[in-house]
Protein backbone atom coordinates (compact mmCIF):
# COMPACT_ATOMS: atom_id res chain seq x y z
CA MET A 1 0.00 0.00 0.00
CA THR A 2 1.39 3.36 -0.98
CA PRO A 3 1.60 6.24 1.50
CA PHE A 4 -1.00 8.16 -0.53
CA VAL A 5 -3.49 5.30 -0.28
CA ALA A 6 -2.80 5.02 3.46
CA VAL A 7 -3.52 8.74 3.92
CA VAL A 8 -6.73 8.45 1.87
CA LEU A 9 -7.86 5.49 3.99
CA VAL A 10 -7.10 7.35 7.25
CA LEU A 11 -8.98 10.45 6.05
CA ALA A 12 -11.89 8.30 4.93
CA GLY A 13 -11.83 6.57 8.32
CA LEU A 14 -11.84 9.92 10.14
CA SER A 15 -14.71 11.21 8.10
CA GLU A 16 -16.64 7.96 8.51
CA ALA A 17 -16.06 8.01 12.27
CA ILE A 18 -17.27 11.60 12.52
CA GLY A 19 -20.36 10.78 10.51
CA ARG A 20 -21.17 7.61 12.43
CA LEU A 21 -20.02 8.35 15.97
CA LEU A 22 -21.07 11.94 16.52
CA PRO A 23 -24.81 11.20 16.36
CA MET A 24 -24.33 8.36 18.87
CA VAL A 25 -22.02 10.39 21.10
CA ALA A 26 -24.34 13.40 20.98
CA GLY A 27 -26.77 11.42 23.10
CA LEU A 28 -24.20 10.87 25.82
CA ARG A 29 -24.86 13.08 28.81
CA GLY A 30 -21.85 14.52 30.52
CA ALA A 31 -19.36 13.50 27.82
CA SER A 32 -16.50 15.96 27.66
CA ARG A 33 -15.21 17.27 24.36
CA ARG A 34 -11.88 15.67 25.07
CA ARG A 35 -13.50 12.27 25.52
CA VAL A 36 -15.52 12.72 22.32
CA PHE A 37 -12.34 13.72 20.48
CA TRP A 38 -10.56 10.54 21.57
CA LEU A 39 -13.59 8.41 20.70
CA VAL A 40 -13.71 9.91 17.21
CA LEU A 41 -9.96 9.50 16.76
CA ALA A 42 -10.11 5.85 17.84
CA GLY A 43 -13.10 5.34 15.56
CA ALA A 44 -11.14 6.87 12.68
CA PHE A 45 -8.36 4.33 13.03
CA VAL A 46 -10.84 1.47 13.39
CA ASP A 47 -12.72 2.58 10.26
CA ALA A 48 -9.46 3.06 8.35
CA ALA A 49 -8.39 -0.45 9.37
CA VAL A 50 -11.73 -1.85 8.23
CA PHE A 51 -11.38 -0.08 4.89
CA ALA A 52 -7.84 -1.40 4.55
CA LEU A 53 -8.98 -4.94 5.35
CA TRP A 54 -11.85 -4.98 2.83
CA PRO A 55 -9.81 -6.14 -0.21
CA LEU A 56 -7.89 -8.70 1.85
CA THR A 57 -11.10 -10.06 3.35
CA ALA A 58 -12.72 -10.27 -0.10
CA TRP A 59 -9.64 -12.13 -1.34
CA THR A 60 -9.88 -14.54 1.59
CA VAL A 61 -13.60 -15.13 0.96
CA ALA A 62 -12.79 -15.84 -2.69
CA GLU A 63 -10.19 -18.40 -1.64
CA LEU A 64 -12.61 -20.09 0.75
CA VAL A 65 -15.74 -20.11 -1.37
CA LEU A 66 -14.67 -20.60 -4.94
CA PRO A 67 -13.81 -24.09 -6.15
CA VAL A 68 -10.75 -22.84 -8.01
CA SER A 69 -8.50 -21.01 -5.57
CA PRO A 70 -7.08 -17.74 -6.93
CA SER A 71 -3.35 -17.75 -7.41
CA GLY A 72 -1.49 -16.20 -4.48
CA GLN A 73 0.96 -14.33 -6.70
CA ASN A 74 -1.22 -11.27 -7.24
CA VAL A 75 -3.11 -10.05 -4.19
CA LEU A 76 -5.93 -7.54 -4.32
CA VAL A 77 -4.80 -4.21 -2.82
CA TRP A 78 -6.13 -0.67 -2.71
CA THR A 79 -5.04 1.66 -5.46
CA PRO A 80 -5.56 5.43 -5.42
CA ALA A 81 -8.35 5.10 -7.99
CA LEU A 82 -10.16 2.47 -5.92
CA ALA A 83 -9.71 4.26 -2.56
CA ALA A 84 -10.52 7.84 -3.61
CA PRO A 85 -14.33 7.38 -3.66
CA LEU A 86 -14.18 6.43 0.02
CA LEU A 87 -13.59 10.10 0.81
CA LEU A 88 -16.95 10.94 -0.74
CA ALA A 89 -18.58 8.02 1.05
CA ALA A 90 -17.25 9.28 4.33
CA VAL A 91 -18.72 12.75 3.81
CA LEU A 92 -22.11 11.14 3.25
CA ALA A 93 -21.83 8.86 6.27
CA PHE A 94 -23.65 11.27 8.56
CA PRO A 95 -26.91 9.41 9.14
CA LEU A 96 -29.16 12.44 8.88
CA LEU A 97 -27.64 13.72 5.64
CA GLY A 98 -27.63 10.73 3.38
CA PRO A 99 -27.58 7.11 4.43
CA LEU A 100 -28.91 6.09 1.01
CA LEU A 101 -26.22 8.12 -0.77
CA HIS A 102 -23.61 6.61 1.54
CA LEU A 103 -24.85 3.12 0.68
CA LEU A 104 -24.78 3.90 -3.05
CA VAL A 105 -21.21 5.16 -2.90
CA MET A 106 -20.13 2.12 -0.88
CA VAL A 107 -21.80 -0.12 -3.50
CA GLY A 108 -19.86 1.78 -6.17
CA VAL A 109 -16.60 1.27 -4.29
CA GLY A 110 -17.49 -2.39 -3.89
CA ALA A 111 -18.15 -2.69 -7.64
CA GLY A 112 -14.70 -1.26 -8.29
CA LEU A 113 -13.20 -3.77 -5.87
CA ALA A 114 -15.17 -6.57 -7.55
CA SER A 115 -13.76 -5.61 -10.94
CA ALA A 116 -10.24 -5.55 -9.50
CA LEU A 117 -10.75 -8.86 -7.68
CA GLY A 118 -12.12 -10.48 -10.83
CA ALA A 119 -9.13 -9.32 -12.85
CA VAL A 120 -6.53 -10.29 -10.26
CA ALA A 121 -8.08 -13.63 -9.28
CA GLY A 122 -9.22 -14.63 -12.75
CA ILE A 123 -12.85 -15.15 -11.70
CA GLY A 124 -16.11 -13.78 -13.05
CA TRP A 125 -17.43 -10.40 -11.99
CA TRP A 126 -20.51 -11.81 -10.24
CA GLU A 127 -18.45 -14.21 -8.17
CA ALA A 128 -16.06 -11.42 -7.28
CA ALA A 129 -18.98 -9.11 -6.42
CA GLY A 130 -20.38 -11.76 -4.10
CA CYS A 131 -17.03 -12.13 -2.33
CA VAL A 132 -16.68 -8.35 -1.98
CA ALA A 133 -20.26 -8.04 -0.70
CA VAL A 134 -19.84 -10.80 1.88
CA ALA A 135 -16.57 -9.25 3.05
CA GLY A 136 -18.05 -5.74 3.19
CA VAL A 137 -21.18 -6.78 5.07
CA GLY A 138 -19.18 -8.88 7.53
CA LEU A 139 -16.72 -6.09 8.25
CA GLY A 140 -19.53 -3.54 8.44
CA LEU A 141 -21.49 -5.58 10.96
CA ALA A 142 -18.38 -6.15 13.04
CA VAL A 143 -17.45 -2.47 13.21
CA GLU A 144 -21.05 -1.41 13.88
CA GLY A 145 -21.16 -3.82 16.80
CA VAL A 146 -17.93 -2.36 18.16
CA ARG A 147 -19.35 1.18 17.81
CA HIS A 148 -22.44 0.30 19.81
CA LEU A 149 -20.39 -1.44 22.50
CA VAL A 150 -18.09 1.58 22.84
CA VAL A 151 -21.05 3.92 23.19
CA ARG A 152 -22.73 1.60 25.70
CA PHE A 153 -19.59 1.35 27.84
CA ASN A 154 -18.97 5.09 27.69
CA ARG A 155 -22.39 6.17 28.88
CA THR A 156 -22.26 8.09 32.09
CA ARG A 157 -24.97 7.13 34.48
CA THR A 158 -26.78 9.89 36.27
CA PRO A 159 -26.89 9.31 40.00
CA GLU A 160 -30.28 8.45 41.42
CA PRO A 161 -31.75 11.06 43.71
CA LEU A 162 -31.57 10.36 47.40
CA ALA A 163 -35.03 10.03 48.85
């Protein structure tokens, strides 16, 4: 992975974390700005790692599912052209602004990954699209579960009044 692609993935992760975490964190009572900052920063690195793992996970799914295992010589990796749309997806991640647009951009990024996986692995586009979709949904569910756990564990409980 080139340094440019790494920077794009980190920026996309930051933007995705801001769009996804701030609405959840806004409901936290008594959360300091410093705590919110660190939650968003941690979320940015988690989202960037998930984005970085998407091609590798799709490659692994292709190796597990398809009867003919793709050759291990060429591995699917992010390129600047494949990673750049993630910046747009991240801007649209804010749930109130455009969850449908966010989903459409992520499907577009997934289609680009499917084309790249099909070319690298020598499989059909539909098979590659299935592998990319399974990988994306699995990673998405995992990171969404982590987000909800982090918010649940970071809730401050208001003390009960003494009667």
